[in-house]
């Protein structure tokens, strides 16, 4: 099975007719909700390739950051630029998979058909892409089954297939393997790793430090709504610079 059948005809890295929006610059980002400052002065830059793992304790602001980066929320202050463009200008070239996927009340195959048709694919292309994607995520044998009867791991794989059907250049993942069994976690990690190898920029929120060690190229560690540390995975895990990150990796309670 070709990559083109799964990911579309053109890989993100090969799209030369429009600006590359896989690299991101964030400057002085602030988010206030209900009078409280939940993200305070975040500044960092993401490379256009690889998997950025976002770590931190509950309440650190990880999921909110993902929504801001994807343009689903507006910051109170600061700037986000993907290849020089604001989130709202590039949202259609990105995809977000939530911890709990929302599936359409139709078959597994029809969930993918809906996305592919919305993207303008012709009838023949829809069938070929759908079948290739279902095979890629291990759900070909479930094509005719109602999507809402899938197990948790299967539902998340379908959510990933729907995301890949949009040919994203950036893929956001918000704890997609939380509460899943080890076999499902492994299957999803393989799908994510394949997308990264294809050239998709991955931004992945997780609480699983083992998963972060397996997938991360760099780690963005948030603490109390601030960036406590941002460094390559090769240095973050053996020698974290911040006390909060050291405590987190050592299994201590971080508040």
Protein backbone atom coordinates (compact mmCIF):
# COMPACT_ATOMS: atom_id res chain seq x y z
CA UNK A 1 0.00 0.00 0.00
CA UNK A 2 1.49 3.39 -1.00
CA UNK A 3 1.87 6.38 1.30
CA UNK A 4 -0.10 8.42 -1.24
CA UNK A 5 -3.11 6.14 -0.79
CA UNK A 6 -3.02 6.70 2.96
CA UNK A 7 -1.87 10.29 3.33
CA UNK A 8 -2.89 11.82 0.02
CA UNK A 9 -0.98 12.58 -3.12
CA UNK A 10 1.49 15.09 -1.67
CA UNK A 11 3.39 14.85 1.60
CA UNK A 12 3.53 17.99 3.77
CA UNK A 13 7.29 18.27 3.30
CA UNK A 14 6.83 18.34 -0.47
CA UNK A 15 4.19 21.07 -0.64
CA UNK A 16 6.20 23.79 -2.33
CA UNK A 17 3.38 25.89 -3.79
CA UNK A 18 2.36 27.38 -0.45
CA UNK A 19 4.12 28.46 2.71
CA UNK A 20 5.31 25.75 5.10
CA UNK A 21 3.25 26.20 8.26
CA UNK A 22 4.73 23.37 10.34
CA UNK A 23 7.09 25.58 12.37
CA UNK A 24 5.59 27.71 15.12
CA UNK A 25 6.66 30.77 17.10
CA UNK A 26 4.86 31.77 20.28
CA UNK A 27 5.59 35.09 21.96
CA UNK A 28 4.32 36.34 25.32
CA UNK A 29 1.15 34.24 25.16
CA UNK A 30 -1.41 35.01 27.87
CA UNK A 31 -4.82 33.45 28.49
CA UNK A 32 -7.20 34.66 31.17
CA UNK A 33 -10.42 32.83 31.99
CA UNK A 34 -12.95 33.98 34.56
CA UNK A 35 -10.57 36.58 35.91
CA UNK A 36 -7.77 34.05 36.45
CA UNK A 37 -4.56 33.92 34.42
CA UNK A 38 -4.23 30.31 33.29
CA UNK A 39 -1.39 30.78 30.80
CA UNK A 40 1.09 33.49 31.61
CA UNK A 41 3.73 34.81 29.23
CA UNK A 42 4.52 31.67 27.21
CA UNK A 43 7.29 32.07 24.65
CA UNK A 44 8.79 29.21 22.64
CA UNK A 45 9.48 28.01 19.12
CA UNK A 46 8.63 24.64 17.58
CA UNK A 47 10.67 23.13 14.77
CA UNK A 48 8.79 22.10 11.65
CA UNK A 49 9.65 18.42 12.01
CA UNK A 50 9.39 15.79 14.73
CA UNK A 51 7.14 15.20 17.71
CA UNK A 52 6.86 17.82 20.44
CA UNK A 53 5.59 16.29 23.67
CA UNK A 54 3.77 18.66 26.03
CA UNK A 55 4.14 17.53 29.64
CA UNK A 56 3.06 18.90 32.99
CA UNK A 57 0.81 18.27 35.96
CA UNK A 58 -2.98 18.56 35.81
CA UNK A 59 -3.99 22.19 35.51
CA UNK A 60 -0.70 23.28 33.95
CA UNK A 61 -2.54 24.49 30.83
CA UNK A 62 -1.57 21.80 28.32
CA UNK A 63 -4.97 21.27 26.67
CA UNK A 64 -5.69 24.99 26.63
CA UNK A 65 -2.39 25.58 24.86
CA UNK A 66 -3.32 23.04 22.18
CA UNK A 67 -6.63 24.80 21.56
CA UNK A 68 -4.86 28.14 21.23
CA UNK A 69 -2.28 26.73 18.84
CA UNK A 70 -5.06 25.25 16.71
CA UNK A 71 -7.11 28.45 16.69
CA UNK A 72 -10.05 27.06 18.67
CA UNK A 73 -9.55 29.73 21.33
CA UNK A 74 -8.24 33.27 21.18
CA UNK A 75 -5.45 34.38 23.54
CA UNK A 76 -5.88 37.34 25.81
CA UNK A 77 -2.51 38.64 24.68
CA UNK A 78 0.54 37.52 22.78
CA UNK A 79 1.25 36.09 19.35
CA UNK A 80 1.11 32.65 17.71
CA UNK A 81 2.53 32.25 14.20
CA UNK A 82 2.66 29.11 12.07
CA UNK A 83 5.09 29.86 9.27
CA UNK A 84 4.36 33.53 9.85
CA UNK A 85 0.57 33.07 9.78
CA UNK A 86 -1.93 33.21 12.62
CA UNK A 87 -3.76 30.07 13.78
CA UNK A 88 -7.01 31.07 12.12
CA UNK A 89 -5.35 31.15 8.70
CA UNK A 90 -3.96 27.62 8.93
CA UNK A 91 -6.56 25.68 10.93
CA UNK A 92 -7.75 23.81 7.82
CA UNK A 93 -4.21 22.51 7.32
CA UNK A 94 -4.11 21.09 10.86
CA UNK A 95 -6.03 18.40 12.73
CA UNK A 96 -6.80 17.79 16.40
CA UNK A 97 -7.63 14.47 18.07
CA UNK A 98 -9.17 14.73 21.52
CA UNK A 99 -8.90 12.32 24.44
CA UNK A 100 -12.52 11.26 23.91
CA UNK A 101 -13.35 11.15 20.19
CA UNK A 102 -16.79 12.19 19.02
CA UNK A 103 -17.93 9.79 16.32
CA UNK A 104 -20.78 10.27 13.87
CA UNK A 105 -23.87 8.07 14.23
CA UNK A 106 -23.05 6.03 11.17
CA UNK A 107 -20.72 3.23 10.14
CA UNK A 108 -16.97 3.23 10.59
CA UNK A 109 -16.52 3.61 6.83
CA UNK A 110 -19.10 6.39 6.60
CA UNK A 111 -17.24 8.39 9.25
CA UNK A 112 -14.29 8.53 6.88
CA UNK A 113 -16.45 9.05 3.80
CA UNK A 114 -17.92 12.17 5.41
CA UNK A 115 -14.50 13.75 5.94
CA UNK A 116 -13.15 12.81 2.52
CA UNK A 117 -16.22 14.14 0.70
CA UNK A 118 -16.07 17.35 2.71
CA UNK A 119 -12.49 17.72 1.49
CA UNK A 120 -13.68 17.49 -2.10
CA UNK A 121 -12.56 13.97 -2.97
CA UNK A 122 -14.31 12.29 -5.89
CA UNK A 123 -16.31 9.09 -5.45
CA UNK A 124 -13.50 6.79 -6.63
CA UNK A 125 -10.91 8.64 -4.56
CA UNK A 126 -13.14 8.46 -1.47
CA UNK A 127 -13.40 4.69 -1.70
CA UNK A 128 -9.69 4.15 -2.31
CA UNK A 129 -8.55 6.55 0.43
CA UNK A 130 -11.12 5.25 2.91
CA UNK A 131 -10.13 1.64 2.39
CA UNK A 132 -6.42 2.47 2.61
CA UNK A 133 -6.88 4.45 5.81
CA UNK A 134 -9.00 1.77 7.46
CA UNK A 135 -6.38 -0.82 6.60
CA UNK A 136 -3.63 1.48 7.88
CA UNK A 137 -5.26 1.82 11.32
CA UNK A 138 -6.34 -1.83 11.50
CA UNK A 139 -10.09 -1.26 11.14
CA UNK A 140 -10.78 -2.65 7.66
CA UNK A 141 -12.73 -5.56 9.18
CA UNK A 142 -14.93 -3.08 11.09
CA UNK A 143 -15.87 -0.94 8.07
CA UNK A 144 -19.60 -1.75 8.16
CA UNK A 145 -19.99 -1.67 11.93
CA UNK A 146 -21.64 1.30 13.68
CA UNK A 147 -18.80 3.53 14.82
CA UNK A 148 -20.27 4.01 18.28
CA UNK A 149 -19.99 0.29 18.98
CA UNK A 150 -16.20 0.38 18.69
CA UNK A 151 -14.03 -0.19 21.74
CA UNK A 152 -12.15 2.76 23.19
CA UNK A 153 -8.94 1.91 21.38
CA UNK A 154 -10.73 1.27 18.09
CA UNK A 155 -12.63 4.55 18.37
CA UNK A 156 -9.39 6.44 18.87
CA UNK A 157 -7.84 4.74 15.85
CA UNK A 158 -10.84 5.82 13.80
CA UNK A 159 -10.41 9.36 15.10
CA UNK A 160 -6.79 9.26 13.97
CA UNK A 161 -7.81 7.93 10.55
CA UNK A 162 -10.29 10.81 10.20
CA UNK A 163 -7.55 13.27 11.11
CA UNK A 164 -5.15 11.76 8.58
CA UNK A 165 -7.90 11.90 5.94
CA UNK A 166 -7.59 15.70 6.03
CA UNK A 167 -3.90 15.50 4.99
CA UNK A 168 -2.79 17.62 7.97
CA UNK A 169 0.58 19.30 8.05
CA UNK A 170 0.29 19.62 11.84
CA UNK A 171 -1.42 17.01 14.03
CA UNK A 172 -2.43 17.89 17.60
CA UNK A 173 -3.08 15.02 20.00
CA UNK A 174 -4.64 15.65 23.41
CA UNK A 175 -3.97 12.55 25.53
CA UNK A 176 -5.26 10.17 22.84
CA UNK A 177 -4.21 7.03 24.72
CA UNK A 178 -5.47 7.90 28.21
CA UNK A 179 -7.14 4.87 29.87
CA UNK A 180 -6.47 2.57 26.90
CA UNK A 181 -5.02 -0.93 27.15
CA UNK A 182 -1.34 -1.47 26.21
CA UNK A 183 -2.14 -3.03 22.82
CA UNK A 184 -4.25 -0.01 21.83
CA UNK A 185 -1.55 2.38 23.06
CA UNK A 186 1.03 0.59 20.93
CA UNK A 187 -1.21 0.67 17.86
CA UNK A 188 -1.84 4.40 18.21
CA UNK A 189 1.83 5.17 18.83
CA UNK A 190 2.72 3.33 15.62
CA UNK A 191 0.20 5.37 13.65
CA UNK A 192 1.55 8.61 15.13
CA UNK A 193 5.15 7.59 14.46
CA UNK A 194 4.24 6.82 10.85
CA UNK A 195 2.70 10.26 10.39
CA UNK A 196 5.80 11.90 11.86
CA UNK A 197 8.02 9.95 9.47
CA UNK A 198 5.82 11.12 6.62
CA UNK A 199 6.57 14.75 7.55
CA UNK A 200 3.58 15.68 9.70
CA UNK A 201 4.50 17.90 12.64
CA UNK A 202 3.17 16.30 15.85
CA UNK A 203 2.23 18.20 19.02
CA UNK A 204 1.24 15.60 21.62
CA UNK A 205 -0.09 16.16 25.15
CA UNK A 206 0.40 13.22 27.50
CA UNK A 207 0.76 12.30 31.17
CA UNK A 208 2.57 9.09 30.26
CA UNK A 209 6.30 9.73 30.66
CA UNK A 210 7.09 6.35 29.12
CA UNK A 211 5.16 7.33 26.03
CA UNK A 212 6.92 10.68 25.96
CA UNK A 213 10.30 8.94 26.07
CA UNK A 214 9.29 6.68 23.19
CA UNK A 215 7.98 9.39 20.87
CA UNK A 216 9.41 12.77 21.79
CA UNK A 217 11.93 14.68 19.74
CA UNK A 218 11.56 17.64 22.09
CA UNK A 219 9.65 18.30 25.30
CA UNK A 220 7.69 21.40 26.30
CA UNK A 221 7.15 21.23 30.06
CA UNK A 222 4.47 23.48 31.53
CA UNK A 223 4.21 24.36 35.20
CA UNK A 224 1.56 26.62 36.68
CA UNK A 225 0.70 28.09 33.29
CA UNK A 226 4.28 28.89 32.33
CA UNK A 227 6.97 27.22 30.27
CA UNK A 228 9.28 25.74 32.89
CA UNK A 229 11.45 24.04 30.29
CA UNK A 230 11.69 23.37 26.56
CA UNK A 231 14.54 21.17 25.40
CA UNK A 232 15.42 18.20 23.19
CA UNK A 233 14.20 14.87 24.55
CA UNK A 234 17.78 13.59 24.58
CA UNK A 235 18.65 16.13 27.28
CA UNK A 236 15.30 16.66 29.00
CA UNK A 237 14.83 13.13 30.29
CA UNK A 238 18.33 12.45 31.68
CA UNK A 239 19.05 16.00 32.88
CA UNK A 240 15.94 18.18 33.31
CA UNK A 241 16.91 21.74 34.23
CA UNK A 242 13.85 22.79 36.23
CA UNK A 243 13.02 21.52 39.70
CA UNK A 244 9.39 21.01 38.66
CA UNK A 245 10.40 18.79 35.75
CA UNK A 246 12.78 16.78 37.90
CA UNK A 247 10.05 16.17 40.47
CA UNK A 248 7.57 15.24 37.75
CA UNK A 249 9.90 12.69 36.17
CA UNK A 250 10.69 11.25 39.60
CA UNK A 251 7.01 10.61 40.26
CA UNK A 252 6.59 13.29 42.89
CA UNK A 253 3.40 15.28 43.19
CA UNK A 254 3.80 18.56 41.32
CA UNK A 255 1.31 21.32 42.08
